[in-house]
Structure formats: structure tokens, C-alpha cells
Amino acid sequence: MTKTDQPDPVPVESGSGRVLVLLDGSRLSLAALEAAADIAALRGHEILGVFVEEVNLLRSSGFDFAREIGASSGASRPLDSAMLEMRMRALAEQARRSLQRAVASRGLRQALKLCRGSVVQEVLSLVGPEDLVVMGRAGWSAAPGSRLGSSARGLIRQAPGDVLLWAELQHRPGYGVVVLLNDDQGANHRALAVGIEQARRRRQPLTVLVRSQGEGGQEVVRAIEEQLRARGAGARVKLIPRASAAEVARMLRREGPAELVVSRQCSVFDEQGADQLLVDLNLPVTVTP
């Protein structure tokens, strides 16, 4: 399959604030699609489905020693290039049908983009600062909750706009949206705005946790409370210590959130184990620039 745009009756206009959703045929990506469609409907934005044929996977099928392991059988078999091409085409068609079903009842403008290359580079070539990228935390080859996929790691660090990492819903969903901030963080405004929007979408309370080491924490709390009042939003604002990523995960679990919002500039990403924190929490996480 060559790299091509797929036609749509209503084309998506670039630069207008879109919701891009990565589709790879996995169960988690289909769940992410439903979340993306809900957000696009709330914002009145277009939705762009993105399906990327991983060029490295296709290249590897040319080696005699390349093998794949059956997800259910566990059996090892040769990685056949013709079969892989057929599988990619089938997954792309599944992505098209899933996207059409998701938007049918919501009246959204939509398009599907088919690409061949690296997922991270292809998405970065499409996304703008006002766009939201929605994706599952791991692709079709990983068990849900087992790890943070390489594409997710790359995009939360490089995307110019917000990235929502979708997680499978827990048996006992959390209650409320938590925004994690630093007391000296310049990106607080954007993360706070996203947290307010998500809390309103969920009709759930908002909690703002501010990581602080010095005496200026209370001043930051007052500034955040002023921002909340200006936006007509209420929230519980709480200071927490600048602890390790593992300790932050424990504090977040005590809050029992349904969703987390955090800026990539938050110093927790400088801590060892930050990626594992996102996996262990097993809830949707929005990472803002």
C-alpha cells in the first residue's frame, strides 16, 4: 500500500484545532477512538483518524530469521511479508469502518489518513499546536497496562499540542480529575485549562496537586485559585512534596482519580520511573506541552 490520503466528503481543514486519533486495530485504540469522538463533539472540532504502517516492521519481514509470536497460541512462525501487507490492509479497512461508526451519531467532520513510516514522525508531520492527539498507551502487540509504548513515549515528549494517553477503564472507575503541577512551572495555565475542561466533560470534581519544595507554594496556590475563579471553576488545591515518581504515584492513588492531567515540563518527568508511573496508574492521562 502506498502512502496516500483517503478521500472524505468533508475534508478536514488544517490549523483549525482538530482531534487526531491513532488507529492500529488494537482494542485500546478503538476505545481511544470513542473518547476522541466524545471530545471532538464537545469542542465542535474535526476528527482525523491516523493509521501508520510501521516501515520498520515491514522491512524486518524481509529477513529469513524474522519471527512473530501468536498472541493466543504463543507459537513462533516466520514473518511473511505478503501476509503482513494483507494484515495491514485489513487493519486499515477496519480503522476506516470504526471511524465512520464513531462519527455517524455525532455529526462530526472526519477523514482518515493512511501513512507508511515511523508512527512518531508521521504524526508530528500532521499535528499542530492547537490539535489534540488521542492514542492508546500501548499498541496491538502489548498487553494493556504492561508498558508505555514507544510511540506514546515519543509523542508525549515531542508533540506541539496536548496528547491524551487512553487506558482501559478500571472495574471501579475513579472519581474526579487531578491536575499535577510544579510550583515554579510556566505551563500551569494550559494544564489547568485542560483539567477544567475534562472535569466539566466528566461532570466530576477537580483537584489540583502542586509539587512544592520552598516557602512560595502558598503563593502559587493563591494564584491558581484566582485562575480558577476567573474561569468560573471550583477545585481543591493542595500542596504536595517534590517526591520520587513512585511516591507521587502513591499520592495520586490516594486521590482515586478518574483522569490525570500533567505538563511535560512537570519535574516528575525528570524522575527515574516516570514512564512506569503512567503505566501503574492505569487511567487516562493528558500530557500538555
Protein backbone atom coordinates (compact mmCIF):
# COMPACT_ATOMS: atom_id res chain seq x y z
CA MET A 1 0.00 0.00 0.00
CA THR A 2 1.42 3.37 -0.96
CA LYS A 3 1.29 6.42 1.22
CA THR A 4 -1.94 8.18 0.38
CA ASP A 5 -4.70 10.37 1.67
CA GLN A 6 -8.11 8.75 1.78
CA PRO A 7 -10.89 10.97 0.38
CA ASP A 8 -13.69 12.14 2.61
CA PRO A 9 -16.87 14.01 1.69
CA VAL A 10 -15.95 16.80 4.11
CA PRO A 11 -12.18 17.43 4.23
CA VAL A 12 -10.52 18.27 7.49
CA GLU A 13 -9.05 21.78 7.48
CA SER A 14 -5.55 22.08 8.88
CA GLY A 15 -4.84 24.53 11.65
CA SER A 16 -8.45 24.69 12.88
CA GLY A 17 -7.99 22.73 16.09
CA ARG A 18 -8.55 19.06 15.35
CA VAL A 19 -8.66 15.82 17.29
CA LEU A 20 -6.23 13.29 15.83
CA VAL A 21 -6.70 9.68 16.91
CA LEU A 22 -4.17 6.92 16.22
CA LEU A 23 -5.79 3.72 14.97
CA ASP A 24 -3.86 0.46 14.83
CA GLY A 25 -6.55 -2.21 15.16
CA SER A 26 -5.92 -2.82 18.85
CA ARG A 27 -8.76 -2.90 21.36
CA LEU A 28 -7.22 0.03 23.18
CA SER A 29 -7.08 2.19 20.05
CA LEU A 30 -10.78 1.56 19.42
CA ALA A 31 -11.56 2.65 22.98
CA ALA A 32 -9.38 5.74 22.40
CA LEU A 33 -11.43 6.46 19.26
CA GLU A 34 -14.65 6.65 21.29
CA ALA A 35 -13.01 9.06 23.75
CA ALA A 36 -11.66 11.14 20.85
CA ALA A 37 -15.09 11.33 19.23
CA ASP A 38 -16.66 12.49 22.51
CA ILE A 39 -14.07 15.26 22.89
CA ALA A 40 -14.37 16.32 19.24
CA ALA A 41 -18.15 16.55 19.60
CA LEU A 42 -17.81 18.62 22.78
CA ARG A 43 -15.36 21.04 21.14
CA GLY A 44 -17.02 21.09 17.74
CA HIS A 45 -13.74 20.01 16.14
CA GLU A 46 -12.98 17.80 13.17
CA ILE A 47 -11.61 14.34 13.84
CA LEU A 48 -8.74 12.86 11.86
CA GLY A 49 -8.02 9.15 12.12
CA VAL A 50 -4.38 8.23 11.51
CA PHE A 51 -3.27 4.74 10.52
CA VAL A 52 0.50 4.23 10.15
CA GLU A 53 2.09 1.21 8.53
CA GLU A 54 5.27 0.75 10.57
CA VAL A 55 8.03 0.73 7.97
CA ASN A 56 10.50 -0.99 10.32
CA LEU A 57 8.09 -3.90 10.81
CA LEU A 58 7.61 -4.24 7.05
CA ARG A 59 11.37 -4.16 6.47
CA SER A 60 12.00 -6.81 9.11
CA SER A 61 9.76 -9.27 7.27
CA GLY A 62 12.43 -9.46 4.57
CA PHE A 63 14.86 -11.27 6.88
CA ASP A 64 14.81 -15.09 6.98
CA PHE A 65 15.29 -15.10 10.75
CA ALA A 66 12.32 -12.77 11.44
CA ARG A 67 9.61 -14.45 13.52
CA GLU A 68 6.29 -13.47 15.07
CA ILE A 69 4.66 -14.99 18.15
CA GLY A 70 0.94 -15.76 18.04
CA ALA A 71 -0.93 -13.67 20.62
CA SER A 72 -3.21 -16.56 21.66
CA SER A 73 -1.25 -19.67 20.64
CA GLY A 74 2.24 -18.49 21.61
CA ALA A 75 3.55 -20.35 18.54
CA SER A 76 6.52 -18.96 16.60
CA ARG A 77 6.18 -18.61 12.83
CA PRO A 78 8.06 -16.84 10.01
CA LEU A 79 7.20 -13.18 9.49
CA ASP A 80 5.86 -13.31 5.94
CA SER A 81 5.89 -10.00 4.03
CA ALA A 82 2.84 -10.83 1.86
CA MET A 83 0.78 -11.84 4.89
CA LEU A 84 1.94 -8.72 6.72
CA GLU A 85 0.82 -6.50 3.81
CA MET A 86 -2.58 -8.22 3.80
CA ARG A 87 -2.89 -7.74 7.55
CA MET A 88 -2.03 -4.04 7.24
CA ARG A 89 -4.70 -3.56 4.54
CA ALA A 90 -7.28 -5.35 6.69
CA LEU A 91 -6.41 -3.20 9.72
CA ALA A 92 -6.63 -0.03 7.62
CA GLU A 93 -10.10 -1.01 6.42
CA GLN A 94 -11.11 -1.80 9.99
CA ALA A 95 -9.86 1.65 11.00
CA ARG A 96 -11.99 3.26 8.29
CA ARG A 97 -15.15 1.45 9.35
CA SER A 98 -14.54 2.14 13.05
CA LEU A 99 -14.02 5.85 12.39
CA GLN A 100 -17.20 6.07 10.33
CA ARG A 101 -19.21 4.32 13.05
CA ALA A 102 -17.80 6.60 15.77
CA VAL A 103 -18.75 9.82 13.99
CA ALA A 104 -22.06 8.67 12.49
CA SER A 105 -24.20 9.56 15.52
CA ARG A 106 -22.22 12.68 16.44
CA GLY A 107 -22.39 14.64 13.21
CA LEU A 108 -18.63 15.20 13.07
CA ARG A 109 -16.46 16.01 10.10
CA GLN A 110 -13.89 13.26 9.68
CA ALA A 111 -11.12 11.93 7.48
CA LEU A 112 -8.70 9.01 7.57
CA LYS A 113 -5.00 9.45 6.81
CA LEU A 114 -3.00 6.37 5.79
CA CYS A 115 0.77 6.68 6.18
CA ARG A 116 3.84 4.50 5.91
CA GLY A 117 6.84 5.25 8.11
CA SER A 118 7.54 5.85 11.80
CA VAL A 119 4.43 6.50 13.91
CA VAL A 120 6.03 9.37 15.83
CA GLN A 121 7.44 11.12 12.77
CA GLU A 122 4.26 10.71 10.72
CA VAL A 123 2.08 12.10 13.50
CA LEU A 124 4.46 15.01 14.13
CA SER A 125 4.21 15.89 10.44
CA LEU A 126 0.42 16.19 10.77
CA VAL A 127 -0.20 17.73 14.17
CA GLY A 128 -0.24 21.42 15.12
CA PRO A 129 -0.11 23.29 18.47
CA GLU A 130 -3.91 23.50 18.73
CA ASP A 131 -4.52 19.85 17.88
CA LEU A 132 -5.17 17.09 20.41
CA VAL A 133 -3.63 13.66 19.80
CA VAL A 134 -5.53 10.72 21.31
CA MET A 135 -3.93 7.28 21.44
CA GLY A 136 -3.77 4.08 23.42
CA ARG A 137 -0.78 3.82 25.73
CA ALA A 138 0.41 0.62 24.02
CA GLY A 139 -0.16 -0.83 20.56
CA TRP A 140 -1.69 -4.10 19.40
CA SER A 141 1.44 -6.07 20.29
CA ALA A 142 1.34 -5.34 24.04
CA ALA A 143 -1.00 -6.41 26.79
CA PRO A 144 -2.97 -3.44 28.21
CA GLY A 145 -1.25 -1.90 31.20
CA SER A 146 2.00 -3.79 30.60
CA ARG A 147 4.13 -0.88 29.41
CA LEU A 148 4.18 2.55 27.85
CA GLY A 149 4.58 2.09 24.11
CA SER A 150 7.48 3.69 22.25
CA SER A 151 5.08 5.81 20.15
CA ALA A 152 3.37 7.10 23.30
CA ARG A 153 6.74 7.95 24.88
CA GLY A 154 7.85 9.79 21.77
CA LEU A 155 4.69 11.83 21.30
CA ILE A 156 4.24 12.97 24.90
CA ARG A 157 7.77 14.40 24.70
CA GLN A 158 7.61 15.95 21.23
CA ALA A 159 4.04 16.81 20.20
CA PRO A 160 3.39 20.56 19.92
CA GLY A 161 -0.09 20.16 21.42
CA ASP A 162 -1.84 18.03 24.03
CA VAL A 163 -1.61 14.23 23.99
CA LEU A 164 -4.25 12.05 25.66
CA LEU A 165 -2.99 8.57 26.51
CA TRP A 166 -6.07 6.40 26.82
CA ALA A 167 -6.25 3.50 29.26
CA GLU A 168 -8.78 0.73 29.60
CA LEU A 169 -11.45 1.62 32.10
CA GLN A 170 -11.00 0.08 35.50
CA HIS A 171 -13.62 -2.18 37.06
CA ARG A 172 -14.07 0.54 39.68
CA PRO A 173 -13.57 3.85 37.85
CA GLY A 174 -12.02 6.68 39.82
CA TYR A 175 -13.85 9.83 40.73
CA GLY A 176 -12.62 13.25 39.69
CA VAL A 177 -9.89 14.77 37.56
CA VAL A 178 -6.45 15.53 39.04
CA VAL A 179 -4.03 18.13 37.64
CA LEU A 180 -0.40 17.69 38.71
CA LEU A 181 1.68 20.91 38.68
CA ASN A 182 5.00 22.34 39.83
CA ASP A 183 5.11 25.48 41.96
CA ASP A 184 7.58 27.06 39.51
CA GLN A 185 6.07 25.72 36.32
CA GLY A 186 5.42 28.12 33.45
CA ALA A 187 2.97 25.76 31.74
CA ASN A 188 0.45 25.70 34.59
CA HIS A 189 -2.13 27.70 32.63
CA ARG A 190 -2.55 25.16 29.83
CA ALA A 191 -2.62 22.11 32.10
CA LEU A 192 -5.14 23.83 34.35
CA ALA A 193 -7.37 24.75 31.39
CA VAL A 194 -7.36 21.13 30.17
CA GLY A 195 -8.16 19.88 33.68
CA ILE A 196 -11.14 22.24 33.93
CA GLU A 197 -12.44 21.09 30.54
CA GLN A 198 -12.06 17.40 31.39
CA ALA A 199 -13.77 17.81 34.77
CA ARG A 200 -16.69 19.57 33.10
CA ARG A 201 -16.89 16.89 30.41
CA ARG A 202 -16.98 14.17 33.05
CA ARG A 203 -19.18 16.24 35.41
CA GLN A 204 -16.74 15.38 38.17
CA PRO A 205 -14.76 17.42 40.73
CA LEU A 206 -11.31 18.83 40.04
CA THR A 207 -8.27 18.51 42.30
CA VAL A 208 -5.04 20.41 41.69
CA LEU A 209 -1.87 18.98 43.27
CA VAL A 210 1.07 21.40 43.39
CA ARG A 211 4.54 19.90 43.89
CA SER A 212 6.44 22.32 46.11
CA GLN A 213 9.75 22.42 47.99
CA GLY A 214 10.07 26.02 49.13
CA GLU A 215 8.02 28.57 51.01
CA GLY A 216 6.47 30.01 47.86
CA GLY A 217 3.97 27.20 47.50
CA GLN A 218 1.12 29.02 49.23
CA GLU A 219 1.55 31.98 46.89
CA VAL A 220 1.24 29.62 43.90
CA VAL A 221 -1.88 28.09 45.46
CA ARG A 222 -3.46 31.55 45.73
CA ALA A 223 -2.56 32.32 42.11
CA ILE A 224 -4.14 29.06 40.94
CA GLU A 225 -7.28 29.73 42.97
CA GLU A 226 -7.53 33.14 41.27
CA GLN A 227 -7.22 31.47 37.85
CA LEU A 228 -9.97 29.03 38.78
CA ARG A 229 -12.29 31.83 39.90
CA ALA A 230 -11.61 33.74 36.68
CA ARG A 231 -12.67 30.66 34.70
CA GLY A 232 -15.75 30.07 36.83
CA ALA A 233 -14.37 26.76 38.06
CA GLY A 234 -14.04 25.31 41.52
CA ALA A 235 -11.33 22.93 42.66
CA ARG A 236 -9.49 21.65 45.69
CA VAL A 237 -5.88 22.93 45.54
CA LYS A 238 -3.36 21.03 47.63
CA LEU A 239 0.42 21.24 48.15
CA ILE A 240 2.43 18.01 47.99
CA PRO A 241 6.21 17.45 48.36
CA ARG A 242 8.51 17.01 45.37
CA ALA A 243 8.92 13.31 45.98
CA SER A 244 10.04 10.49 43.68
CA ALA A 245 7.85 9.28 40.83
CA ALA A 246 6.91 6.19 42.87
CA GLU A 247 5.82 8.33 45.82
CA VAL A 248 3.86 10.64 43.52
CA ALA A 249 2.07 7.56 42.16
CA ARG A 250 1.11 6.56 45.72
CA MET A 251 -0.22 10.06 46.43
CA LEU A 252 -2.23 10.02 43.22
CA ARG A 253 -3.74 6.64 44.05
CA ARG A 254 -4.95 8.04 47.38
CA GLU A 255 -6.81 10.73 45.42
CA GLY A 256 -8.55 7.97 43.40
CA PRO A 257 -8.76 9.97 40.15
CA ALA A 258 -10.60 9.00 37.00
CA GLU A 259 -8.17 11.02 34.90
CA LEU A 260 -4.81 12.80 35.26
CA VAL A 261 -3.56 15.98 33.56
CA VAL A 262 0.14 16.84 33.71
CA SER A 263 2.51 19.11 31.77
CA ARG A 264 5.58 17.53 30.20
CA GLN A 265 7.50 20.31 31.96
CA CYS A 266 6.48 18.90 35.32
CA SER A 267 9.61 17.81 37.16
CA VAL A 268 8.12 14.36 37.80
CA PHE A 269 9.21 13.52 34.23
CA ASP A 270 12.79 14.11 35.31
CA GLU A 271 12.46 11.34 37.90
CA GLN A 272 13.52 7.78 37.25
CA GLY A 273 10.44 5.64 36.73
CA ALA A 274 8.21 8.42 35.37
CA ASP A 275 7.06 6.25 32.45
CA GLN A 276 6.22 3.43 34.83
CA LEU A 277 4.18 5.89 36.90
CA LEU A 278 1.87 6.44 33.91
CA VAL A 279 1.54 2.68 33.40
CA ASP A 280 0.94 1.77 37.04
CA LEU A 281 -1.81 4.36 37.50
CA ASN A 282 -3.78 2.71 34.65
CA LEU A 283 -6.00 5.70 33.92
CA PRO A 284 -6.33 8.22 31.07
CA VAL A 285 -3.52 10.81 31.17
CA THR A 286 -3.40 14.06 29.23
CA VAL A 287 0.11 15.48 28.79
CA THR A 288 0.26 19.16 27.83
CA PRO A 289 3.30 20.97 26.34
